[in-house]
Amino acid sequence: MGALLAGRRRLIARFGRPVTIRRGNLDGSVTSADFVGALTRFSAAQLVGALSQDDARLEMMADVLGGFPVPPRAIDEVLSDGLSFNVQFVASVHEGPLLIGWSLTLRGS
C-alpha cells in the first residue's frame, strides 16, 4: 500500500462521518450509496473565486460506492448530518496509476 493511500484511509477513519450519495435516473428511480467520507467546510481564507460560505469538500475512497455509477458527477446529491449538498466539481485522486479516491466540491442547499 502506498503512502498516499494509507494517509487517505487514516484521514477518513479519523474525520469521516456517514454520507449518502444519490443520483436520479431518467426512469425516475434513484440510485444511492452509503459510505463514510471526510466532509469539511471551507475556511474563510479558502473562500475565493466561485466558492461560497455554504460550500464544502468531501474526501472519499474509490472503493466505497459499490454499485453506484462512477465517477461521481455534478448531477449527484450528497447528504450528511441532515444537510444536503449538490456536487459542483469532482477531482480523481491517484497514487501513480491507481485510482484511490475522489475529492468533491459541494454546494449546500
N, C-alpha and C. Protein backbone atom coordinates (compact mmCIF):
# COMPACT_ATOMS: atom_id res chain seq x y z
N MET A 1 0.86 -1.18 0.00
CA MET A 1 0.00 0.00 0.00
C MET A 1 0.90 1.23 0.00
N GLY A 2 0.56 2.20 -0.84
CA GLY A 2 1.34 3.42 -0.93
C GLY A 2 1.05 4.38 0.20
N ALA A 3 1.93 5.34 0.35
CA ALA A 3 1.82 6.32 1.44
C ALA A 3 0.58 7.20 1.29
N LEU A 4 0.25 7.60 0.07
CA LEU A 4 -0.93 8.46 -0.13
C LEU A 4 -2.21 7.69 0.19
N LEU A 5 -2.29 6.45 -0.25
CA LEU A 5 -3.46 5.62 0.03
C LEU A 5 -3.61 5.39 1.53
N ALA A 6 -2.53 5.06 2.20
CA ALA A 6 -2.58 4.83 3.65
C ALA A 6 -2.97 6.11 4.39
N GLY A 7 -2.42 7.24 3.99
CA GLY A 7 -2.75 8.52 4.62
C GLY A 7 -4.21 8.90 4.42
N ARG A 8 -4.71 8.64 3.23
CA ARG A 8 -6.11 8.95 2.94
C ARG A 8 -7.05 8.08 3.78
N ARG A 9 -6.71 6.81 3.92
CA ARG A 9 -7.51 5.91 4.77
C ARG A 9 -7.51 6.39 6.23
N ARG A 10 -6.34 6.84 6.72
CA ARG A 10 -6.26 7.35 8.10
C ARG A 10 -7.09 8.61 8.26
N LEU A 11 -7.02 9.53 7.30
CA LEU A 11 -7.79 10.77 7.34
C LEU A 11 -9.28 10.48 7.44
N ILE A 12 -9.76 9.58 6.59
CA ILE A 12 -11.19 9.28 6.57
C ILE A 12 -11.59 8.51 7.82
N ALA A 13 -10.73 7.62 8.30
CA ALA A 13 -11.03 6.89 9.54
C ALA A 13 -11.13 7.85 10.72
N ARG A 14 -10.31 8.87 10.75
CA ARG A 14 -10.29 9.81 11.88
C ARG A 14 -11.40 10.85 11.81
N PHE A 15 -11.62 11.41 10.62
CA PHE A 15 -12.56 12.53 10.49
C PHE A 15 -13.84 12.16 9.74
N GLY A 16 -13.97 10.93 9.31
CA GLY A 16 -15.10 10.52 8.49
C GLY A 16 -16.41 10.49 9.26
N ARG A 17 -17.48 10.61 8.50
CA ARG A 17 -18.82 10.50 9.05
C ARG A 17 -19.72 9.91 7.97
N PRO A 18 -20.89 9.40 8.35
CA PRO A 18 -21.78 8.77 7.37
C PRO A 18 -22.22 9.76 6.28
N VAL A 19 -22.18 9.28 5.05
CA VAL A 19 -22.54 10.09 3.89
C VAL A 19 -23.39 9.22 2.96
N THR A 20 -24.35 9.84 2.31
CA THR A 20 -25.12 9.18 1.25
C THR A 20 -24.95 10.00 -0.01
N ILE A 21 -24.68 9.32 -1.10
CA ILE A 21 -24.65 10.00 -2.41
C ILE A 21 -25.78 9.38 -3.23
N ARG A 22 -26.51 10.23 -3.95
CA ARG A 22 -27.60 9.69 -4.76
C ARG A 22 -27.71 10.43 -6.09
N ARG A 23 -28.26 9.69 -7.04
CA ARG A 23 -28.41 10.22 -8.40
C ARG A 23 -29.77 9.81 -8.93
N GLY A 24 -30.50 10.79 -9.43
CA GLY A 24 -31.78 10.50 -10.08
C GLY A 24 -31.54 9.94 -11.47
N ASN A 25 -32.29 8.92 -11.83
CA ASN A 25 -32.16 8.29 -13.14
C ASN A 25 -33.26 8.77 -14.08
N LEU A 26 -33.08 8.57 -15.36
CA LEU A 26 -34.04 9.02 -16.36
C LEU A 26 -35.41 8.38 -16.18
N ASP A 27 -35.46 7.17 -15.63
CA ASP A 27 -36.74 6.49 -15.44
C ASP A 27 -37.45 6.91 -14.15
N GLY A 28 -36.89 7.89 -13.43
CA GLY A 28 -37.50 8.37 -12.21
C GLY A 28 -37.02 7.67 -10.95
N SER A 29 -36.25 6.60 -11.11
CA SER A 29 -35.70 5.91 -9.94
C SER A 29 -34.48 6.65 -9.42
N VAL A 30 -34.03 6.27 -8.23
CA VAL A 30 -32.87 6.90 -7.62
C VAL A 30 -31.86 5.82 -7.24
N THR A 31 -30.61 6.03 -7.60
CA THR A 31 -29.52 5.14 -7.21
C THR A 31 -28.76 5.83 -6.11
N SER A 32 -28.43 5.09 -5.04
CA SER A 32 -27.71 5.72 -3.94
C SER A 32 -26.69 4.76 -3.35
N ALA A 33 -25.75 5.32 -2.58
CA ALA A 33 -24.74 4.54 -1.87
C ALA A 33 -24.46 5.23 -0.55
N ASP A 34 -24.32 4.44 0.50
CA ASP A 34 -23.95 4.94 1.82
C ASP A 34 -22.51 4.55 2.10
N PHE A 35 -21.74 5.48 2.66
CA PHE A 35 -20.33 5.21 2.95
C PHE A 35 -19.86 6.20 4.01
N VAL A 36 -18.62 6.09 4.39
CA VAL A 36 -18.00 7.04 5.32
C VAL A 36 -17.03 7.90 4.52
N GLY A 37 -17.18 9.22 4.63
CA GLY A 37 -16.31 10.16 3.95
C GLY A 37 -15.96 11.31 4.87
N ALA A 38 -14.91 12.04 4.55
CA ALA A 38 -14.48 13.18 5.35
C ALA A 38 -15.05 14.45 4.72
N LEU A 39 -16.08 15.02 5.36
CA LEU A 39 -16.76 16.21 4.88
C LEU A 39 -16.32 17.40 5.72
N THR A 40 -15.78 18.41 5.08
CA THR A 40 -15.33 19.61 5.80
C THR A 40 -15.80 20.86 5.07
N ARG A 41 -16.04 21.90 5.82
CA ARG A 41 -16.39 23.21 5.25
C ARG A 41 -15.11 23.93 4.89
N PHE A 42 -15.20 24.80 3.91
CA PHE A 42 -14.05 25.63 3.56
C PHE A 42 -13.88 26.72 4.60
N SER A 43 -12.65 27.06 4.90
CA SER A 43 -12.38 28.15 5.84
C SER A 43 -12.59 29.49 5.13
N ALA A 44 -12.68 30.56 5.90
CA ALA A 44 -12.87 31.90 5.32
C ALA A 44 -11.73 32.23 4.35
N ALA A 45 -10.52 31.82 4.67
CA ALA A 45 -9.37 32.11 3.81
C ALA A 45 -9.44 31.36 2.48
N GLN A 46 -10.15 30.25 2.46
CA GLN A 46 -10.27 29.45 1.24
C GLN A 46 -11.40 29.92 0.33
N LEU A 47 -12.24 30.81 0.80
CA LEU A 47 -13.40 31.25 0.03
C LEU A 47 -12.99 32.31 -1.00
N VAL A 48 -12.44 31.84 -2.09
CA VAL A 48 -12.04 32.71 -3.19
C VAL A 48 -12.73 32.24 -4.46
N GLY A 49 -12.81 33.10 -5.44
CA GLY A 49 -13.41 32.74 -6.71
C GLY A 49 -14.88 32.40 -6.55
N ALA A 50 -15.26 31.25 -7.07
CA ALA A 50 -16.67 30.86 -7.09
C ALA A 50 -17.12 30.17 -5.80
N LEU A 51 -16.21 29.94 -4.85
CA LEU A 51 -16.59 29.29 -3.59
C LEU A 51 -17.42 30.22 -2.73
N SER A 52 -18.40 29.64 -2.02
CA SER A 52 -19.23 30.44 -1.12
C SER A 52 -19.25 29.80 0.27
N GLN A 53 -19.87 30.49 1.20
CA GLN A 53 -19.92 30.07 2.59
C GLN A 53 -20.61 28.72 2.78
N ASP A 54 -21.51 28.35 1.89
CA ASP A 54 -22.24 27.09 2.01
C ASP A 54 -21.53 25.92 1.35
N ASP A 55 -20.34 26.13 0.81
CA ASP A 55 -19.61 25.08 0.10
C ASP A 55 -18.82 24.21 1.07
N ALA A 56 -18.55 22.99 0.63
CA ALA A 56 -17.81 22.04 1.45
C ALA A 56 -16.98 21.15 0.52
N ARG A 57 -16.08 20.39 1.13
CA ARG A 57 -15.27 19.42 0.39
C ARG A 57 -15.53 18.05 1.00
N LEU A 58 -15.65 17.05 0.13
CA LEU A 58 -15.82 15.67 0.57
C LEU A 58 -14.67 14.85 0.02
N GLU A 59 -13.93 14.21 0.92
CA GLU A 59 -12.87 13.28 0.54
C GLU A 59 -13.41 11.87 0.73
N MET A 60 -13.29 11.06 -0.30
CA MET A 60 -13.82 9.70 -0.24
C MET A 60 -12.88 8.73 -0.94
N MET A 61 -12.98 7.48 -0.55
CA MET A 61 -12.18 6.43 -1.17
C MET A 61 -12.87 5.98 -2.45
N ALA A 62 -12.11 5.38 -3.36
CA ALA A 62 -12.66 4.92 -4.63
C ALA A 62 -13.46 3.63 -4.49
N ASP A 63 -13.20 2.88 -3.43
CA ASP A 63 -13.80 1.55 -3.32
C ASP A 63 -15.05 1.50 -2.44
N VAL A 64 -15.68 2.64 -2.16
CA VAL A 64 -16.81 2.65 -1.22
C VAL A 64 -18.18 2.73 -1.88
N LEU A 65 -18.23 2.88 -3.18
CA LEU A 65 -19.51 3.15 -3.83
C LEU A 65 -20.27 1.92 -4.29
N GLY A 66 -19.69 0.75 -4.19
CA GLY A 66 -20.41 -0.46 -4.57
C GLY A 66 -20.95 -0.37 -5.98
N GLY A 67 -22.27 -0.49 -6.14
CA GLY A 67 -22.89 -0.46 -7.46
C GLY A 67 -23.27 0.92 -7.96
N PHE A 68 -22.90 1.96 -7.22
CA PHE A 68 -23.21 3.32 -7.66
C PHE A 68 -22.37 3.64 -8.89
N PRO A 69 -22.96 4.28 -9.90
CA PRO A 69 -22.19 4.57 -11.12
C PRO A 69 -21.07 5.57 -10.84
N VAL A 70 -19.87 5.21 -11.25
CA VAL A 70 -18.71 6.06 -11.04
C VAL A 70 -18.24 6.63 -12.37
N PRO A 71 -17.60 7.76 -12.33
CA PRO A 71 -17.27 8.57 -11.17
C PRO A 71 -18.49 9.39 -10.71
N PRO A 72 -18.42 9.92 -9.48
CA PRO A 72 -19.45 10.88 -9.06
C PRO A 72 -19.50 12.02 -10.07
N ARG A 73 -20.68 12.61 -10.23
CA ARG A 73 -20.83 13.67 -11.23
C ARG A 73 -21.57 14.87 -10.64
N ALA A 74 -21.57 15.95 -11.39
CA ALA A 74 -22.18 17.19 -10.93
C ALA A 74 -23.70 17.08 -10.78
N ILE A 75 -24.31 16.03 -11.26
CA ILE A 75 -25.75 15.86 -11.09
C ILE A 75 -26.10 15.16 -9.79
N ASP A 76 -25.10 14.73 -9.02
CA ASP A 76 -25.33 13.95 -7.81
C ASP A 76 -25.61 14.85 -6.61
N GLU A 77 -26.33 14.26 -5.64
CA GLU A 77 -26.63 14.94 -4.39
C GLU A 77 -25.93 14.18 -3.26
N VAL A 78 -25.40 14.91 -2.30
CA VAL A 78 -24.73 14.32 -1.14
C VAL A 78 -25.48 14.74 0.11
N LEU A 79 -25.76 13.77 0.97
CA LEU A 79 -26.46 14.01 2.22
C LEU A 79 -25.57 13.58 3.38
N SER A 80 -25.47 14.44 4.40
CA SER A 80 -24.69 14.11 5.58
C SER A 80 -25.12 15.01 6.73
N ASP A 81 -25.26 14.44 7.90
CA ASP A 81 -25.61 15.20 9.12
C ASP A 81 -26.85 16.06 8.93
N GLY A 82 -27.83 15.57 8.19
CA GLY A 82 -29.06 16.31 7.96
C GLY A 82 -28.94 17.44 6.95
N LEU A 83 -27.79 17.55 6.31
CA LEU A 83 -27.55 18.60 5.31
C LEU A 83 -27.56 18.00 3.91
N SER A 84 -27.95 18.81 2.95
CA SER A 84 -27.99 18.39 1.55
C SER A 84 -27.05 19.27 0.73
N PHE A 85 -26.27 18.63 -0.13
CA PHE A 85 -25.32 19.34 -0.98
C PHE A 85 -25.47 18.84 -2.41
N ASN A 86 -25.18 19.70 -3.37
CA ASN A 86 -25.09 19.32 -4.77
C ASN A 86 -23.61 19.30 -5.16
N VAL A 87 -23.23 18.27 -5.89
CA VAL A 87 -21.84 18.16 -6.34
C VAL A 87 -21.58 19.24 -7.39
N GLN A 88 -20.51 20.00 -7.20
CA GLN A 88 -20.13 21.04 -8.15
C GLN A 88 -18.95 20.63 -9.02
N PHE A 89 -18.00 19.92 -8.41
CA PHE A 89 -16.77 19.58 -9.10
C PHE A 89 -16.23 18.28 -8.52
N VAL A 90 -15.69 17.42 -9.38
CA VAL A 90 -15.12 16.15 -8.95
C VAL A 90 -13.70 16.04 -9.48
N ALA A 91 -12.76 15.74 -8.58
CA ALA A 91 -11.38 15.50 -8.98
C ALA A 91 -10.99 14.10 -8.53
N SER A 92 -10.44 13.33 -9.45
CA SER A 92 -9.97 11.99 -9.09
C SER A 92 -8.64 12.13 -8.36
N VAL A 93 -8.39 11.20 -7.43
CA VAL A 93 -7.14 11.18 -6.67
C VAL A 93 -6.43 9.88 -7.00
N HIS A 94 -5.20 9.99 -7.48
CA HIS A 94 -4.41 8.83 -7.89
C HIS A 94 -3.12 8.73 -7.10
N GLU A 95 -2.69 7.52 -6.91
CA GLU A 95 -1.33 7.27 -6.43
C GLU A 95 -0.67 6.47 -7.54
N GLY A 96 0.17 7.15 -8.31
CA GLY A 96 0.68 6.54 -9.52
C GLY A 96 -0.49 6.28 -10.45
N PRO A 97 -0.58 5.10 -11.05
CA PRO A 97 -1.69 4.80 -11.95
C PRO A 97 -2.96 4.35 -11.24
N LEU A 98 -2.90 4.15 -9.92
CA LEU A 98 -4.02 3.60 -9.16
C LEU A 98 -4.98 4.70 -8.71
N LEU A 99 -6.25 4.59 -9.11
CA LEU A 99 -7.29 5.49 -8.61
C LEU A 99 -7.58 5.10 -7.17
N ILE A 100 -7.39 6.04 -6.23
CA ILE A 100 -7.62 5.71 -4.82
C ILE A 100 -8.82 6.46 -4.22
N GLY A 101 -9.30 7.48 -4.90
CA GLY A 101 -10.44 8.20 -4.34
C GLY A 101 -10.86 9.37 -5.20
N TRP A 102 -11.80 10.13 -4.61
CA TRP A 102 -12.27 11.35 -5.25
C TRP A 102 -12.33 12.46 -4.22
N SER A 103 -12.15 13.66 -4.70
CA SER A 103 -12.32 14.86 -3.91
C SER A 103 -13.44 15.65 -4.58
N LEU A 104 -14.53 15.87 -3.84
CA LEU A 104 -15.71 16.54 -4.39
C LEU A 104 -15.87 17.91 -3.76
N THR A 105 -16.14 18.90 -4.58
CA THR A 105 -16.53 20.21 -4.10
C THR A 105 -18.05 20.24 -4.12
N LEU A 106 -18.64 20.62 -2.98
CA LEU A 106 -20.09 20.57 -2.81
C LEU A 106 -20.65 21.95 -2.54
N ARG A 107 -21.88 22.16 -2.96
CA ARG A 107 -22.59 23.41 -2.67
C ARG A 107 -23.80 23.07 -1.82
N GLY A 108 -23.89 23.70 -0.66
CA GLY A 108 -25.02 23.46 0.24
C GLY A 108 -26.30 24.05 -0.29
N SER A 109 -27.41 23.41 0.07
CA SER A 109 -28.69 23.92 -0.40
C SER A 109 -29.61 24.20 0.76
